[in-house]
C-alpha atoms as a PDB file:
ATOM      1  CA  MET A   1      -8.088 -19.477 -19.058  1.00  0.00           C
ATOM      2  CA  SER A   2      -5.815 -17.388 -16.361  1.00  0.00           C
ATOM      3  CA  GLU A   3      -5.829 -18.550 -12.813  1.00  0.00           C
ATOM      4  CA  SER A   4      -7.752 -16.343 -10.207  1.00  0.00           C
ATOM      5  CA  ILE A   5      -6.474 -13.776  -8.082  1.00  0.00           C
ATOM      6  CA  ARG A   6      -6.520 -15.906  -4.459  1.00  0.00           C
ATOM      7  CA  VAL A   7      -7.926 -13.376  -1.845  1.00  0.00           C
ATOM      8  CA  LEU A   8      -7.786 -13.874   1.863  1.00  0.00           C
ATOM      9  CA  VAL A   9     -10.655 -11.132   3.859  1.00  0.00           C
ATOM     10  CA  CYS A  10      -9.637  -9.929   7.402  1.00  0.00           C
ATOM     11  CA  ASP A  11     -11.966  -7.378   9.428  1.00  0.00           C
ATOM     12  CA  ASP A  12     -13.518  -8.501  12.521  1.00  0.00           C
ATOM     13  CA  GLN A  13     -16.907  -6.722  11.500  1.00  0.00           C
ATOM     14  CA  VAL A  14     -18.907  -9.367  10.166  1.00  0.00           C
ATOM     15  CA  LEU A  15     -21.166  -7.558   7.884  1.00  0.00           C
ATOM     16  CA  VAL A  16     -18.241  -5.878   7.010  1.00  0.00           C
ATOM     17  CA  ARG A  17     -16.434  -9.005   5.822  1.00  0.00           C
ATOM     18  CA  THR A  18     -19.423 -10.887   4.518  1.00  0.00           C
ATOM     19  CA  GLY A  19     -20.037  -7.607   2.177  1.00  0.00           C
ATOM     20  CA  LEU A  20     -16.569  -7.739   1.084  1.00  0.00           C
ATOM     21  CA  VAL A  21     -16.036 -11.313   0.672  1.00  0.00           C
ATOM     22  CA  THR A  22     -19.431 -11.052  -1.410  1.00  0.00           C
ATOM     23  CA  ILE A  23     -18.725  -8.725  -3.781  1.00  0.00           C
ATOM     24  CA  ILE A  24     -15.105 -10.040  -4.662  1.00  0.00           C
ATOM     25  CA  ASP A  25     -16.321 -13.732  -4.928  1.00  0.00           C
ATOM     26  CA  ALA A  26     -19.028 -12.396  -7.599  1.00  0.00           C
ATOM     27  CA  GLN A  27     -16.097 -11.849  -9.844  1.00  0.00           C
ATOM     28  CA  PRO A  28     -14.810 -14.230 -12.351  1.00  0.00           C
ATOM     29  CA  ASP A  29     -10.657 -13.551 -11.809  1.00  0.00           C
ATOM     30  CA  LEU A  30     -11.186 -13.260  -8.036  1.00  0.00           C
ATOM     31  CA  GLU A  31     -11.548 -16.108  -5.339  1.00  0.00           C
ATOM     32  CA  VAL A  32     -11.946 -15.783  -1.781  1.00  0.00           C
ATOM     33  CA  VAL A  33     -10.042 -18.538  -0.399  1.00  0.00           C
ATOM     34  CA  GLY A  34     -10.291 -17.751   3.713  1.00  0.00           C
ATOM     35  CA  GLU A  35     -11.449 -15.238   5.654  1.00  0.00           C
ATOM     36  CA  CYS A  36     -10.782 -14.379   9.500  1.00  0.00           C
ATOM     37  CA  GLU A  37     -11.640 -11.698  12.392  1.00  0.00           C
ATOM     38  CA  ASP A  38      -8.021 -10.945  13.540  1.00  0.00           C
ATOM     39  CA  GLY A  39      -5.335 -10.270  12.509  1.00  0.00           C
ATOM     40  CA  ARG A  40      -2.813 -13.490  14.160  1.00  0.00           C
ATOM     41  CA  THR A  41      -5.611 -15.750  12.476  1.00  0.00           C
ATOM     42  CA  ALA A  42      -4.643 -13.696   9.222  1.00  0.00           C
ATOM     43  CA  VAL A  43      -1.063 -15.057   9.460  1.00  0.00           C
ATOM     44  CA  ASP A  44      -1.902 -18.577  10.330  1.00  0.00           C
ATOM     45  CA  LEU A  45      -4.119 -18.646   7.411  1.00  0.00           C
ATOM     46  CA  ALA A  46      -1.917 -16.554   4.533  1.00  0.00           C
ATOM     47  CA  GLY A  47       0.542 -19.018   5.906  1.00  0.00           C
ATOM     48  CA  ARG A  48      -1.772 -22.490   5.066  1.00  0.00           C
ATOM     49  CA  LEU A  49      -3.540 -20.595   2.166  1.00  0.00           C
ATOM     50  CA  HIS A  50      -1.199 -18.836  -0.030  1.00  0.00           C
ATOM     51  CA  PRO A  51      -3.644 -16.144  -0.814  1.00  0.00           C
ATOM     52  CA  ASP A  52      -1.969 -13.674  -3.475  1.00  0.00           C
ATOM     53  CA  VAL A  53      -3.659 -10.590  -1.481  1.00  0.00           C
ATOM     54  CA  VAL A  54      -4.626 -10.399   1.713  1.00  0.00           C
ATOM     55  CA  VAL A  55      -7.435  -7.527   2.553  1.00  0.00           C
ATOM     56  CA  MET A  56      -6.838  -5.973   5.857  1.00  0.00           C
ATOM     57  CA  ASP A  57      -8.631  -3.867   8.580  1.00  0.00           C
ATOM     58  CA  VAL A  58      -6.525  -2.088  10.889  1.00  0.00           C
ATOM     59  CA  ARG A  59      -8.530  -1.968  13.865  1.00  0.00           C
ATOM     60  CA  MET A  60      -8.539  -5.943  15.220  1.00  0.00           C
ATOM     61  CA  PRO A  61      -8.788  -7.635  18.421  1.00  0.00           C
ATOM     62  CA  VAL A  62      -6.051 -10.103  19.141  1.00  0.00           C
ATOM     63  CA  LEU A  63      -3.132  -8.704  16.826  1.00  0.00           C
ATOM     64  CA  ASP A  64      -3.842  -5.544  14.731  1.00  0.00           C
ATOM     65  CA  GLY A  65      -4.334  -5.171  10.480  1.00  0.00           C
ATOM     66  CA  ILE A  66      -0.676  -3.188  11.302  1.00  0.00           C
ATOM     67  CA  GLU A  67       1.633  -6.194  13.220  1.00  0.00           C
ATOM     68  CA  ALA A  68       0.146  -8.658  11.017  1.00  0.00           C
ATOM     69  CA  THR A  69       1.042  -6.740   7.912  1.00  0.00           C
ATOM     70  CA  ARG A  70       4.585  -6.606   9.236  1.00  0.00           C
ATOM     71  CA  LEU A  71       4.463 -10.197   9.472  1.00  0.00           C
ATOM     72  CA  LEU A  72       2.809 -10.833   6.636  1.00  0.00           C
ATOM     73  CA  ALA A  73       4.989  -7.797   4.275  1.00  0.00           C
ATOM     74  CA  GLY A  74       7.596  -6.577   6.600  1.00  0.00           C
ATOM     75  CA  ALA A  75      11.616  -5.732   6.062  1.00  0.00           C
ATOM     76  CA  GLY A  76      13.161  -9.178   6.163  1.00  0.00           C
ATOM     77  CA  VAL A  77       9.799 -11.966   5.341  1.00  0.00           C
ATOM     78  CA  ARG A  78      10.982 -14.581   3.044  1.00  0.00           C
ATOM     79  CA  ARG A  79       7.979 -14.896   1.120  1.00  0.00           C
ATOM     80  CA  PRO A  80       5.898 -11.469   1.472  1.00  0.00           C
ATOM     81  CA  VAL A  81       1.725 -11.189   1.018  1.00  0.00           C
ATOM     82  CA  LYS A  82       0.612  -8.644  -0.223  1.00  0.00           C
ATOM     83  CA  VAL A  83      -1.704  -6.779   1.564  1.00  0.00           C
ATOM     84  CA  LEU A  84      -4.363  -3.857   0.847  1.00  0.00           C
ATOM     85  CA  VAL A  85      -5.343  -2.333   3.602  1.00  0.00           C
ATOM     86  CA  VAL A  86      -8.955  -1.223   4.376  1.00  0.00           C
ATOM     87  CA  THR A  87      -9.886   1.517   6.459  1.00  0.00           C
ATOM     88  CA  THR A  88     -11.920   4.465   7.941  1.00  0.00           C
ATOM     89  CA  PHE A  89      -9.890   6.965   7.287  1.00  0.00           C
ATOM     90  CA  ASN A  90     -11.177   9.354   9.843  1.00  0.00           C
ATOM     91  CA  LEU A  91     -11.058   7.123  12.517  1.00  0.00           C
ATOM     92  CA  ASP A  92      -7.591   5.081  11.496  1.00  0.00           C
ATOM     93  CA  THR A  93      -4.650   6.868  13.147  1.00  0.00           C
ATOM     94  CA  TYR A  94      -2.188   4.049  12.507  1.00  0.00           C
ATOM     95  CA  VAL A  95      -2.698   3.782   8.455  1.00  0.00           C
ATOM     96  CA  TYR A  96       0.556   5.720   8.104  1.00  0.00           C
ATOM     97  CA  GLU A  97       2.319   2.419  10.130  1.00  0.00           C
ATOM     98  CA  ALA A  98       0.973  -0.022   7.914  1.00  0.00           C
ATOM     99  CA  LEU A  99       2.183   1.431   5.445  1.00  0.00           C
ATOM    100  CA  ARG A 100       5.346   1.419   6.902  1.00  0.00           C
ATOM    101  CA  ALA A 101       5.083  -2.311   7.954  1.00  0.00           C
ATOM    102  CA  GLY A 102       4.476  -3.194   4.341  1.00  0.00           C
ATOM    103  CA  ALA A 103       1.619  -2.651   3.352  1.00  0.00           C
ATOM    104  CA  SER A 104       1.125  -2.394  -0.843  1.00  0.00           C
ATOM    105  CA  GLY A 105      -1.554   0.085  -0.256  1.00  0.00           C
ATOM    106  CA  PHE A 106      -5.044   1.090   1.113  1.00  0.00           C
ATOM    107  CA  LEU A 107      -8.802   2.207   0.550  1.00  0.00           C
ATOM    108  CA  LEU A 108     -11.268   3.828   2.074  1.00  0.00           C
ATOM    109  CA  LYS A 109     -14.094   1.329   3.654  1.00  0.00           C
ATOM    110  CA  ASP A 110     -16.834   3.706   1.836  1.00  0.00           C
ATOM    111  CA  ALA A 111     -15.280   3.567  -1.242  1.00  0.00           C
ATOM    112  CA  PRO A 112     -17.424   1.830  -4.094  1.00  0.00           C
ATOM    113  CA  PRO A 113     -16.816  -1.625  -4.974  1.00  0.00           C
ATOM    114  CA  SER A 114     -15.333  -0.987  -7.855  1.00  0.00           C
ATOM    115  CA  GLN A 115     -12.472   0.518  -6.548  1.00  0.00           C
ATOM    116  CA  LEU A 116     -12.174  -2.243  -3.791  1.00  0.00           C
ATOM    117  CA  LEU A 117     -11.658  -4.572  -6.957  1.00  0.00           C
ATOM    118  CA  HIS A 118      -9.907  -2.825  -8.893  1.00  0.00           C
ATOM    119  CA  GLY A 119      -7.676  -2.272  -5.785  1.00  0.00           C
ATOM    120  CA  ILE A 120      -7.644  -6.404  -5.273  1.00  0.00           C
ATOM    121  CA  ARG A 121      -6.648  -6.447  -8.755  1.00  0.00           C
ATOM    122  CA  THR A 122      -3.907  -3.868  -9.037  1.00  0.00           C
ATOM    123  CA  VAL A 123      -2.004  -4.862  -5.992  1.00  0.00           C
ATOM    124  CA  ALA A 124      -1.652  -8.370  -7.210  1.00  0.00           C
ATOM    125  CA  THR A 125       0.119  -7.331 -10.154  1.00  0.00           C
ATOM    126  CA  GLY A 126       2.783  -6.014  -8.014  1.00  0.00           C
ATOM    127  CA  ALA A 127       2.078  -2.843  -8.213  1.00  0.00           C
ATOM    128  CA  ALA A 128       1.285  -0.176  -5.050  1.00  0.00           C
ATOM    129  CA  LEU A 129      -2.254   1.574  -4.656  1.00  0.00           C
ATOM    130  CA  LEU A 130      -2.330   5.033  -3.986  1.00  0.00           C
ATOM    131  CA  ASP A 131      -4.917   7.263  -4.142  1.00  0.00           C
ATOM    132  CA  PRO A 132      -3.448  11.194  -4.653  1.00  0.00           C
ATOM    133  CA  ASP A 133      -5.746  13.211  -2.510  1.00  0.00           C
ATOM    134  CA  VAL A 134      -5.690  10.481   1.164  1.00  0.00           C
ATOM    135  CA  THR A 135      -2.586   9.780   0.498  1.00  0.00           C
ATOM    136  CA  ARG A 136      -1.529  13.322   0.846  1.00  0.00           C
ATOM    137  CA  GLN A 137      -4.049  13.999   3.990  1.00  0.00           C
ATOM    138  CA  LEU A 138      -2.772  10.527   5.397  1.00  0.00           C
ATOM    139  CA  VAL A 139       1.287  10.760   4.873  1.00  0.00           C
ATOM    140  CA  GLY A 140       0.971  14.575   5.169  1.00  0.00           C
ATOM    141  CA  ARG A 141      -0.808  14.120   8.759  1.00  0.00           C
ATOM    142  CA  TYR A 142       2.346  12.263  10.231  1.00  0.00           C
ATOM    143  CA  ALA A 143       4.734  14.724   8.189  1.00  0.00           C
ATOM    144  CA  ALA A 144       5.828  17.161  11.482  1.00  0.00           C
ATOM    145  CA  ARG A 145       6.538  13.566  13.300  1.00  0.00           C
ATOM    146  CA  ILE A 146       8.662  11.595  10.908  1.00  0.00           C
ATOM    147  CA  ARG A 147      10.582  14.005   9.627  1.00  0.00           C
ATOM    148  CA  PRO A 148      14.360  14.597  10.419  1.00  0.00           C
ATOM    149  CA  PRO A 149      15.023  17.235  12.572  1.00  0.00           C
ATOM    150  CA  GLU A 150      16.280  20.760  10.845  1.00  0.00           C
ATOM    151  CA  GLY A 151      19.497  20.331   9.236  1.00  0.00           C
ATOM    152  CA  ALA A 152      19.726  17.198   9.722  1.00  0.00           C
ATOM    153  CA  PRO A 153      22.467  15.947   6.932  1.00  0.00           C
ATOM    154  CA  HIS A 154      20.638  14.219   4.191  1.00  0.00           C
ATOM    155  CA  ASP A 155      22.407  11.143   2.394  1.00  0.00           C
ATOM    156  CA  ILE A 156      19.805  10.687  -0.647  1.00  0.00           C
ATOM    157  CA  PRO A 157      21.888   8.938  -3.419  1.00  0.00           C
ATOM    158  CA  LEU A 158      20.023  10.077  -6.546  1.00  0.00           C
ATOM    159  CA  THR A 159      20.206  12.433  -9.113  1.00  0.00           C
ATOM    160  CA  PRO A 160      18.598  15.949  -9.265  1.00  0.00           C
ATOM    161  CA  ARG A 161      16.401  14.410 -11.682  1.00  0.00           C
ATOM    162  CA  GLU A 162      15.426  11.418  -9.772  1.00  0.00           C
ATOM    163  CA  LEU A 163      14.739  13.937  -6.861  1.00  0.00           C
ATOM    164  CA  GLU A 164      12.733  15.757  -8.777  1.00  0.00           C
ATOM    165  CA  VAL A 165      10.367  12.202  -9.978  1.00  0.00           C
ATOM    166  CA  LEU A 166      10.308  10.972  -6.429  1.00  0.00           C
ATOM    167  CA  ARG A 167       8.810  14.475  -4.943  1.00  0.00           C
ATOM    168  CA  LEU A 168       6.262  14.041  -7.507  1.00  0.00           C
ATOM    169  CA  ILE A 169       5.824  10.424  -7.129  1.00  0.00           C
ATOM    170  CA  ALA A 170       5.394  11.865  -3.214  1.00  0.00           C
ATOM    171  CA  ASN A 171       2.213  14.691  -4.474  1.00  0.00           C
ATOM    172  CA  GLY A 172       0.635  11.878  -5.263  1.00  0.00           C
ATOM    173  CA  LEU A 173       1.261  11.769  -9.287  1.00  0.00           C
ATOM    174  CA  SER A 174       0.676   9.064 -11.717  1.00  0.00           C
ATOM    175  CA  ASN A 175       2.983   8.174 -13.744  1.00  0.00           C
ATOM    176  CA  SER A 176       1.242  10.132 -16.974  1.00  0.00           C
ATOM    177  CA  GLU A 177       0.816  13.180 -14.841  1.00  0.00           C
ATOM    178  CA  ILE A 178       4.769  12.849 -14.413  1.00  0.00           C
ATOM    179  CA  ALA A 179       5.259  13.180 -17.763  1.00  0.00           C
ATOM    180  CA  ALA A 180       3.388  15.439 -18.610  1.00  0.00           C
ATOM    181  CA  THR A 181       4.442  17.962 -15.672  1.00  0.00           C
ATOM    182  CA  LEU A 182       7.627  17.183 -17.080  1.00  0.00           C
ATOM    183  CA  VAL A 183       7.420  16.628 -20.525  1.00  0.00           C
ATOM    184  CA  ILE A 184       8.819  13.460 -20.716  1.00  0.00           C
ATOM    185  CA  SER A 185       7.682  10.239 -21.896  1.00  0.00           C
ATOM    186  CA  GLN A 186       6.124   7.698 -19.946  1.00  0.00           C
ATOM    187  CA  GLU A 187       8.390   5.044 -20.532  1.00  0.00           C
ATOM    188  CA  THR A 188      10.903   7.754 -19.022  1.00  0.00           C
ATOM    189  CA  VAL A 189       9.078   8.205 -16.310  1.00  0.00           C
ATOM    190  CA  LYS A 190       8.916   3.917 -15.483  1.00  0.00           C
ATOM    191  CA  THR A 191      12.781   3.888 -15.838  1.00  0.00           C
ATOM    192  CA  PHE A 192      13.160   6.824 -13.076  1.00  0.00           C
ATOM    193  CA  VAL A 193      10.860   4.694 -10.708  1.00  0.00           C
ATOM    194  CA  SER A 194      12.649   1.584 -11.184  1.00  0.00           C
ATOM    195  CA  ARG A 195      16.042   3.387 -10.517  1.00  0.00           C
ATOM    196  CA  ILE A 196      14.608   5.353  -7.807  1.00  0.00           C
ATOM    197  CA  LEU A 197      13.128   2.547  -6.038  1.00  0.00           C
ATOM    198  CA  THR A 198      16.436   0.034  -7.213  1.00  0.00           C
ATOM    199  CA  LYS A 199      18.770   2.353  -5.424  1.00  0.00           C
ATOM    200  CA  LEU A 200      16.748   3.304  -2.169  1.00  0.00           C
ATOM    201  CA  GLY A 201      16.332  -0.342  -1.825  1.00  0.00           C
ATOM    202  CA  LEU A 202      12.268   0.309  -1.733  1.00  0.00           C
ATOM    203  CA  ARG A 203       9.917  -2.602  -2.975  1.00  0.00           C
ATOM    204  CA  ASP A 204       7.023  -0.370  -4.547  1.00  0.00           C
ATOM    205  CA  ARG A 205       5.354   3.456  -4.682  1.00  0.00           C
ATOM    206  CA  VAL A 206       4.071   3.132  -1.517  1.00  0.00           C
ATOM    207  CA  GLN A 207       7.732   3.151   0.251  1.00  0.00           C
ATOM    208  CA  ALA A 208       8.586   5.872  -1.920  1.00  0.00           C
ATOM    209  CA  VAL A 209       6.171   8.167  -0.612  1.00  0.00           C
ATOM    210  CA  VAL A 210       6.792   7.359   3.223  1.00  0.00           C
ATOM    211  CA  TYR A 211      10.721   7.566   2.225  1.00  0.00           C
ATOM    212  CA  ALA A 212       9.823  11.175   0.737  1.00  0.00           C
ATOM    213  CA  TYR A 213       8.483  12.055   3.544  1.00  0.00           C
ATOM    214  CA  ARG A 214      10.925  10.824   5.935  1.00  0.00           C
ATOM    215  CA  GLN A 215      13.138  12.626   4.131  1.00  0.00           C
ATOM    216  CA  GLY A 216      11.491  15.558   4.560  1.00  0.00           C
ATOM    217  CA  LEU A 217      11.221  16.056   0.612  1.00  0.00           C
ATOM    218  CA  VAL A 218       8.092  17.082   0.610  1.00  0.00           C
ATOM    219  CA  THR A 219       6.023  19.330   2.913  1.00  0.00           C
END
């Protein structure tokens, strides 16, 4: 029998946190190893408990979820932890920054339990969790601010085909949807995605989406 996925839950709202813990702990393949109400404690507990996934709120006291995510999964972290951000989309204007800080994905707090559980399992495997519609809205809101000035030089070490695949990733398409759009196999898409991440020094699809918007490759 495979080991359970170890989860740390961080949310400053007791009712929300209790609900998350209850849902997660009810699954035979998931185990809540700790819970807390602020980002600083999350970082400390992650260092001691070594969770596979941290379910992280954004708006919290002491240290918010963005800074906590940066300390757990940001650039230069020796042993990064996978972070799944849960947020109220209409209120949290900093989720984009959380993705830049190293989060592997995000979910809305009103998502059904099945999506939460799927999200934890997806992130635990090393894959990124992106909801296409929300991703377009979320990152798109910041496109004007994060896009480089018009006429700025672009030094993107990708082939035309790789750029095409990157744009489709940034628009929220899955591998199967990209394959259908470009009339190629899913295995070929996987190869392209792997090359793109390697060439650009990116960890996952979330970072690829952020990169594409920052470079002005999508609108």
